[in-house]
Amino acid sequence: DRPYVFKAPPEGIAAMTAIVQAVKPELKVPFGVNYLWDPTASVAIGAATGARFVREIFTGLFASDMGLWEPDCAAASRLRHNLGRDDMKLLFNINAEFAHSLDQRPIELRAKSAVFSSMADAILVSGPITGQPADQSHLRSVCETIKDVPVFANTGVNIDNVRDVLSLASGVVIGTHFKIDGNTWNAVDGDRVKRFMDVVATLR
């Protein structure tokens, strides 16, 4: 899917919907969807496939590798409602990877505003790029400010830092660490997943 685009093409939406539907019978846990970097497409796919949540950039204005980035949260939220899926949670990543926010407010105020004005169901705090940890001071300030909804670390969580991360955050989004050799583009390594989850189990 690289180079990234802001608007999912019709064939991409169709393909991802078909893939999710194909693997859904094998899933034993609740699942969510995320079509980079299109919140409306993500909501559409999530609604069609019975996803429990959608993760995406819903708010803000960013300068990015792909140009100026201005997601339309209202359109995504209206689509969720019009498709009868108000139960599907929207997880707001508030500091996008591969981009810099043009909003000069502190990150915790942007998070608080997203919950109040855009009705975020959860707030995600990211690092600067896929697989790199979020700034701990950012994560801490958001967690200390946001009490109404969960706050998750969205990037860079691994077996070495998960204890520290979960001492602050309600949960984590993880991908890169689960791959063979910790490489984003490799297949999932079941042994790495098990070792990580064994550590997480001791923290519950």
C-alpha atoms as a PDB file:
ATOM      1  CA  ASP A   1       0.000   0.000   0.000  1.00  0.00           C
ATOM      2  CA  ARG A   2       2.974   2.343  -0.382  1.00  0.00           C
ATOM      3  CA  PRO A   3       3.314   5.144  -1.335  1.00  0.00           C
ATOM      4  CA  TYR A   4       0.486   5.974   1.051  1.00  0.00           C
ATOM      5  CA  VAL A   5      -2.599   7.888  -0.061  1.00  0.00           C
ATOM      6  CA  PHE A   6      -5.259   9.689   1.958  1.00  0.00           C
ATOM      7  CA  LYS A   7      -8.283   8.371   0.066  1.00  0.00           C
ATOM      8  CA  ALA A   8      -8.727   4.629  -0.308  1.00  0.00           C
ATOM      9  CA  PRO A   9      -9.398   3.542  -3.908  1.00  0.00           C
ATOM     10  CA  PRO A  10     -12.559   1.487  -4.540  1.00  0.00           C
ATOM     11  CA  GLU A  11     -10.554  -1.638  -5.362  1.00  0.00           C
ATOM     12  CA  GLY A  12      -8.671  -1.285  -2.068  1.00  0.00           C
ATOM     13  CA  ILE A  13     -11.889  -1.047  -0.077  1.00  0.00           C
ATOM     14  CA  ALA A  14     -13.342  -4.039  -1.921  1.00  0.00           C
ATOM     15  CA  ALA A  15     -10.203  -6.136  -1.439  1.00  0.00           C
ATOM     16  CA  MET A  16      -9.826  -5.375   2.260  1.00  0.00           C
ATOM     17  CA  THR A  17     -13.506  -6.059   2.929  1.00  0.00           C
ATOM     18  CA  ALA A  18     -13.219  -9.420   1.169  1.00  0.00           C
ATOM     19  CA  ILE A  19     -10.056 -10.329   3.097  1.00  0.00           C
ATOM     20  CA  VAL A  20     -11.570  -9.465   6.483  1.00  0.00           C
ATOM     21  CA  GLN A  21     -14.711 -11.449   5.667  1.00  0.00           C
ATOM     22  CA  ALA A  22     -12.573 -14.428   4.614  1.00  0.00           C
ATOM     23  CA  VAL A  23     -10.529 -14.566   7.836  1.00  0.00           C
ATOM     24  CA  LYS A  24     -13.372 -13.597  10.194  1.00  0.00           C
ATOM     25  CA  PRO A  25     -14.576 -17.204  10.782  1.00  0.00           C
ATOM     26  CA  GLU A  26     -11.107 -18.076  12.130  1.00  0.00           C
ATOM     27  CA  LEU A  27     -10.968 -15.221  14.645  1.00  0.00           C
ATOM     28  CA  LYS A  28     -11.524 -16.071  18.308  1.00  0.00           C
ATOM     29  CA  VAL A  29     -11.205 -12.523  19.652  1.00  0.00           C
ATOM     30  CA  PRO A  30     -12.931  -9.213  18.845  1.00  0.00           C
ATOM     31  CA  PHE A  31     -11.360  -7.524  15.829  1.00  0.00           C
ATOM     32  CA  GLY A  32     -11.039  -4.044  14.393  1.00  0.00           C
ATOM     33  CA  VAL A  33      -9.971  -2.556  11.076  1.00  0.00           C
ATOM     34  CA  ASN A  34      -7.754   0.267   9.873  1.00  0.00           C
ATOM     35  CA  TYR A  35      -7.356   1.322   6.237  1.00  0.00           C
ATOM     36  CA  LEU A  36      -4.390   3.694   6.112  1.00  0.00           C
ATOM     37  CA  TRP A  37      -5.018   6.721   6.131  1.00  0.00           C
ATOM     38  CA  ASP A  38      -8.715   6.937   5.365  1.00  0.00           C
ATOM     39  CA  PRO A  39     -11.089   7.083   8.364  1.00  0.00           C
ATOM     40  CA  THR A  40     -14.252   6.976   6.251  1.00  0.00           C
ATOM     41  CA  ALA A  41     -13.106   3.887   4.339  1.00  0.00           C
ATOM     42  CA  SER A  42     -12.076   2.287   7.626  1.00  0.00           C
ATOM     43  CA  VAL A  43     -15.544   2.884   9.081  1.00  0.00           C
ATOM     44  CA  ALA A  44     -17.209   1.517   5.938  1.00  0.00           C
ATOM     45  CA  ILE A  45     -15.136  -1.679   6.019  1.00  0.00           C
ATOM     46  CA  GLY A  46     -15.625  -2.046   9.763  1.00  0.00           C
ATOM     47  CA  ALA A  47     -19.383  -1.649   9.489  1.00  0.00           C
ATOM     48  CA  ALA A  48     -19.637  -4.139   6.626  1.00  0.00           C
ATOM     49  CA  THR A  49     -17.536  -6.811   8.345  1.00  0.00           C
ATOM     50  CA  GLY A  50     -18.880  -6.560  11.892  1.00  0.00           C
ATOM     51  CA  ALA A  51     -15.715  -5.062  13.370  1.00  0.00           C
ATOM     52  CA  ARG A  52     -15.878  -3.953  16.990  1.00  0.00           C
ATOM     53  CA  PHE A  53     -13.605  -0.945  16.502  1.00  0.00           C
ATOM     54  CA  VAL A  54     -11.820   1.224  13.949  1.00  0.00           C
ATOM     55  CA  ARG A  55      -8.374   2.790  14.462  1.00  0.00           C
ATOM     56  CA  GLU A  56      -7.355   5.829  12.444  1.00  0.00           C
ATOM     57  CA  ILE A  57      -6.416   9.514  12.347  1.00  0.00           C
ATOM     58  CA  PHE A  58      -9.781  11.252  12.750  1.00  0.00           C
ATOM     59  CA  THR A  59      -8.863  14.789  13.819  1.00  0.00           C
ATOM     60  CA  GLY A  60      -6.176  17.419  13.302  1.00  0.00           C
ATOM     61  CA  LEU A  61      -4.170  18.984  10.505  1.00  0.00           C
ATOM     62  CA  PHE A  62      -0.773  17.561   9.592  1.00  0.00           C
ATOM     63  CA  ALA A  63       2.146  18.210   7.283  1.00  0.00           C
ATOM     64  CA  SER A  64       3.129  14.759   6.056  1.00  0.00           C
ATOM     65  CA  ASP A  65       5.122  12.777   3.514  1.00  0.00           C
ATOM     66  CA  MET A  66       1.911  12.667   1.484  1.00  0.00           C
ATOM     67  CA  GLY A  67       1.156  16.408   1.692  1.00  0.00           C
ATOM     68  CA  LEU A  68      -1.291  18.313   3.879  1.00  0.00           C
ATOM     69  CA  TRP A  69      -3.457  15.900   5.814  1.00  0.00           C
ATOM     70  CA  GLU A  70      -6.902  16.970   7.029  1.00  0.00           C
ATOM     71  CA  PRO A  71      -9.156  14.047   8.027  1.00  0.00           C
ATOM     72  CA  ASP A  72     -12.930  14.542   8.138  1.00  0.00           C
ATOM     73  CA  CYS A  73     -14.036  13.191  11.504  1.00  0.00           C
ATOM     74  CA  ALA A  74     -17.637  14.317  11.075  1.00  0.00           C
ATOM     75  CA  ALA A  75     -18.022  12.380   7.818  1.00  0.00           C
ATOM     76  CA  ALA A  76     -16.661   9.193   9.398  1.00  0.00           C
ATOM     77  CA  SER A  77     -18.880   9.573  12.472  1.00  0.00           C
ATOM     78  CA  ARG A  78     -21.982  10.238  10.376  1.00  0.00           C
ATOM     79  CA  LEU A  79     -21.232   7.191   8.248  1.00  0.00           C
ATOM     80  CA  ARG A  80     -20.945   5.015  11.345  1.00  0.00           C
ATOM     81  CA  HIS A  81     -24.355   6.250  12.510  1.00  0.00           C
ATOM     82  CA  ASN A  82     -26.016   5.977   9.091  1.00  0.00           C
ATOM     83  CA  LEU A  83     -24.799   2.383   8.756  1.00  0.00           C
ATOM     84  CA  GLY A  84     -26.343   1.521  12.106  1.00  0.00           C
ATOM     85  CA  ARG A  85     -23.023   0.881  13.846  1.00  0.00           C
ATOM     86  CA  ASP A  86     -22.954   3.344  16.732  1.00  0.00           C
ATOM     87  CA  ASP A  87     -21.687   0.389  18.792  1.00  0.00           C
ATOM     88  CA  MET A  88     -18.438   0.276  16.784  1.00  0.00           C
ATOM     89  CA  LYS A  89     -15.772   2.162  18.732  1.00  0.00           C
ATOM     90  CA  LEU A  90     -13.598   4.814  17.094  1.00  0.00           C
ATOM     91  CA  LEU A  91      -9.984   4.841  18.312  1.00  0.00           C
ATOM     92  CA  PHE A  92      -8.391   8.224  17.601  1.00  0.00           C
ATOM     93  CA  ASN A  93      -4.673   8.347  16.838  1.00  0.00           C
ATOM     94  CA  ILE A  94      -3.925  11.980  17.694  1.00  0.00           C
ATOM     95  CA  ASN A  95      -0.296  12.296  16.567  1.00  0.00           C
ATOM     96  CA  ALA A  96       0.175  10.685  13.193  1.00  0.00           C
ATOM     97  CA  GLU A  97       3.231   8.745  12.104  1.00  0.00           C
ATOM     98  CA  PHE A  98       5.103  10.126   9.064  1.00  0.00           C
ATOM     99  CA  ALA A  99       3.684  13.560   9.848  1.00  0.00           C
ATOM    100  CA  HIS A 100       3.926  16.637  12.045  1.00  0.00           C
ATOM    101  CA  SER A 101       0.884  18.240  13.621  1.00  0.00           C
ATOM    102  CA  LEU A 102       0.300  21.850  12.604  1.00  0.00           C
ATOM    103  CA  ASP A 103      -1.789  22.274  15.760  1.00  0.00           C
ATOM    104  CA  GLN A 104       0.479  24.003  18.283  1.00  0.00           C
ATOM    105  CA  ARG A 105      -1.546  23.053  21.348  1.00  0.00           C
ATOM    106  CA  PRO A 106       0.101  20.595  23.765  1.00  0.00           C
ATOM    107  CA  ILE A 107      -0.734  17.006  22.920  1.00  0.00           C
ATOM    108  CA  GLU A 108      -2.822  16.502  26.056  1.00  0.00           C
ATOM    109  CA  LEU A 109      -5.073  19.428  25.083  1.00  0.00           C
ATOM    110  CA  ARG A 110      -5.499  18.032  21.579  1.00  0.00           C
ATOM    111  CA  ALA A 111      -6.486  14.722  23.142  1.00  0.00           C
ATOM    112  CA  LYS A 112      -8.942  16.350  25.532  1.00  0.00           C
ATOM    113  CA  SER A 113     -10.465  18.345  22.690  1.00  0.00           C
ATOM    114  CA  ALA A 114     -10.848  15.225  20.519  1.00  0.00           C
ATOM    115  CA  VAL A 115     -12.788  13.499  23.289  1.00  0.00           C
ATOM    116  CA  PHE A 116     -15.022  16.526  23.892  1.00  0.00           C
ATOM    117  CA  SER A 117     -15.659  17.813  20.366  1.00  0.00           C
ATOM    118  CA  SER A 118     -15.308  14.670  18.261  1.00  0.00           C
ATOM    119  CA  MET A 119     -16.461  12.007  20.749  1.00  0.00           C
ATOM    120  CA  ALA A 120     -13.394   9.766  20.602  1.00  0.00           C
ATOM    121  CA  ASP A 121     -13.975   6.360  22.185  1.00  0.00           C
ATOM    122  CA  ALA A 122     -10.251   5.968  22.900  1.00  0.00           C
ATOM    123  CA  ILE A 123      -7.086   8.019  22.407  1.00  0.00           C
ATOM    124  CA  LEU A 124      -3.912   6.598  20.843  1.00  0.00           C
ATOM    125  CA  VAL A 125      -0.456   8.135  21.262  1.00  0.00           C
ATOM    126  CA  SER A 126       2.141   7.335  18.579  1.00  0.00           C
ATOM    127  CA  GLY A 127       5.835   7.660  17.926  1.00  0.00           C
ATOM    128  CA  PRO A 128       7.203   9.452  14.847  1.00  0.00           C
ATOM    129  CA  ILE A 129       7.169   6.363  12.621  1.00  0.00           C
ATOM    130  CA  THR A 130       5.896   2.793  12.601  1.00  0.00           C
ATOM    131  CA  GLY A 131       7.678   0.643  15.182  1.00  0.00           C
ATOM    132  CA  GLN A 132       9.152   3.553  17.155  1.00  0.00           C
ATOM    133  CA  PRO A 133       7.882   4.222  20.688  1.00  0.00           C
ATOM    134  CA  ALA A 134       5.752   7.178  21.635  1.00  0.00           C
ATOM    135  CA  ASP A 135       7.484   9.914  23.602  1.00  0.00           C
ATOM    136  CA  GLN A 136       6.972   8.836  27.226  1.00  0.00           C
ATOM    137  CA  SER A 137       6.342  12.410  28.326  1.00  0.00           C
ATOM    138  CA  HIS A 138       3.560  12.679  25.725  1.00  0.00           C
ATOM    139  CA  LEU A 139       2.029   9.387  26.809  1.00  0.00           C
ATOM    140  CA  ARG A 140       2.207  10.360  30.462  1.00  0.00           C
ATOM    141  CA  SER A 141       0.646  13.790  29.959  1.00  0.00           C
ATOM    142  CA  VAL A 142      -2.216  12.374  27.891  1.00  0.00           C
ATOM    143  CA  CYS A 143      -2.870   9.594  30.409  1.00  0.00           C
ATOM    144  CA  GLU A 144      -2.879  12.079  33.277  1.00  0.00           C
ATOM    145  CA  THR A 145      -5.306  14.364  31.433  1.00  0.00           C
ATOM    146  CA  ILE A 146      -7.743  11.900  29.845  1.00  0.00           C
ATOM    147  CA  LYS A 147      -9.885  10.038  32.369  1.00  0.00           C
ATOM    148  CA  ASP A 148     -13.149   9.477  30.475  1.00  0.00           C
ATOM    149  CA  VAL A 149     -11.866   7.085  27.790  1.00  0.00           C
ATOM    150  CA  PRO A 150      -8.948   4.622  27.506  1.00  0.00           C
ATOM    151  CA  VAL A 151      -5.524   5.795  26.341  1.00  0.00           C
ATOM    152  CA  PHE A 152      -3.358   3.365  24.341  1.00  0.00           C
ATOM    153  CA  ALA A 153       0.265   3.465  23.209  1.00  0.00           C
ATOM    154  CA  ASN A 154      -0.007   3.084  19.437  1.00  0.00           C
ATOM    155  CA  THR A 155       3.547   2.333  18.241  1.00  0.00           C
ATOM    156  CA  GLY A 156       6.870   0.908  19.356  1.00  0.00           C
ATOM    157  CA  VAL A 157       5.699  -1.308  22.204  1.00  0.00           C
ATOM    158  CA  ASN A 158       7.875  -4.374  22.756  1.00  0.00           C
ATOM    159  CA  ILE A 159       8.676  -6.985  25.377  1.00  0.00           C
ATOM    160  CA  ASP A 160      11.315  -4.742  26.950  1.00  0.00           C
ATOM    161  CA  ASN A 161       9.146  -1.652  27.469  1.00  0.00           C
ATOM    162  CA  VAL A 162       5.626  -3.039  27.869  1.00  0.00           C
ATOM    163  CA  ARG A 163       5.794  -2.969  31.685  1.00  0.00           C
ATOM    164  CA  ASP A 164       6.633   0.729  31.679  1.00  0.00           C
ATOM    165  CA  VAL A 165       4.051   1.501  28.998  1.00  0.00           C
ATOM    166  CA  LEU A 166       1.242  -0.321  30.800  1.00  0.00           C
ATOM    167  CA  SER A 167       2.105   1.451  34.037  1.00  0.00           C
ATOM    168  CA  LEU A 168       0.702   4.514  32.238  1.00  0.00           C
ATOM    169  CA  ALA A 169      -1.603   3.392  29.421  1.00  0.00           C
ATOM    170  CA  SER A 170      -4.791   1.326  29.443  1.00  0.00           C
ATOM    171  CA  GLY A 171      -3.532  -0.813  26.576  1.00  0.00           C
ATOM    172  CA  VAL A 172      -1.313  -0.994  23.520  1.00  0.00           C
ATOM    173  CA  VAL A 173      -1.514  -1.393  19.758  1.00  0.00           C
ATOM    174  CA  ILE A 174       1.268  -3.657  18.556  1.00  0.00           C
ATOM    175  CA  GLY A 175       2.440  -4.954  15.197  1.00  0.00           C
ATOM    176  CA  THR A 176       6.144  -4.596  14.441  1.00  0.00           C
ATOM    177  CA  HIS A 177       7.373  -6.415  17.566  1.00  0.00           C
ATOM    178  CA  PHE A 178       5.239  -9.444  16.669  1.00  0.00           C
ATOM    179  CA  LYS A 179       6.936  -9.871  13.285  1.00  0.00           C
ATOM    180  CA  ILE A 180       9.930 -12.111  12.541  1.00  0.00           C
ATOM    181  CA  ASP A 181      13.090 -10.303  13.723  1.00  0.00           C
ATOM    182  CA  GLY A 182      10.915  -7.334  14.732  1.00  0.00           C
ATOM    183  CA  ASN A 183      10.724  -6.214  11.092  1.00  0.00           C
ATOM    184  CA  THR A 184       7.452  -4.509  10.109  1.00  0.00           C
ATOM    185  CA  TRP A 185       7.354  -6.164   6.682  1.00  0.00           C
ATOM    186  CA  ASN A 186       7.925  -9.747   7.861  1.00  0.00           C
ATOM    187  CA  ALA A 187       5.314 -12.352   8.765  1.00  0.00           C
ATOM    188  CA  VAL A 188       4.055 -12.737  12.329  1.00  0.00           C
ATOM    189  CA  ASP A 189       6.304 -14.805  14.620  1.00  0.00           C
ATOM    190  CA  GLY A 190       4.095 -16.890  16.911  1.00  0.00           C
ATOM    191  CA  ASP A 191       6.863 -17.402  19.466  1.00  0.00           C
ATOM    192  CA  ARG A 192       7.414 -13.639  19.806  1.00  0.00           C
ATOM    193  CA  VAL A 193       3.680 -13.151  20.310  1.00  0.00           C
ATOM    194  CA  LYS A 194       3.552 -15.817  23.020  1.00  0.00           C
ATOM    195  CA  ARG A 195       6.565 -14.454  24.894  1.00  0.00           C
ATOM    196  CA  PHE A 196       5.088 -10.957  24.816  1.00  0.00           C
ATOM    197  CA  MET A 197       1.660 -12.094  25.982  1.00  0.00           C
ATOM    198  CA  ASP A 198       3.213 -14.154  28.779  1.00  0.00           C
ATOM    199  CA  VAL A 199       4.745 -10.926  30.113  1.00  0.00           C
ATOM    200  CA  VAL A 200       1.459  -9.054  29.710  1.00  0.00           C
ATOM    201  CA  ALA A 201      -0.365 -11.821  31.598  1.00  0.00           C
ATOM    202  CA  THR A 202       1.779 -11.135  34.657  1.00  0.00           C
ATOM    203  CA  LEU A 203       0.649  -7.494  34.609  1.00  0.00           C
ATOM    204  CA  ARG A 204      -3.092  -8.183  34.599  1.00  0.00           C
END
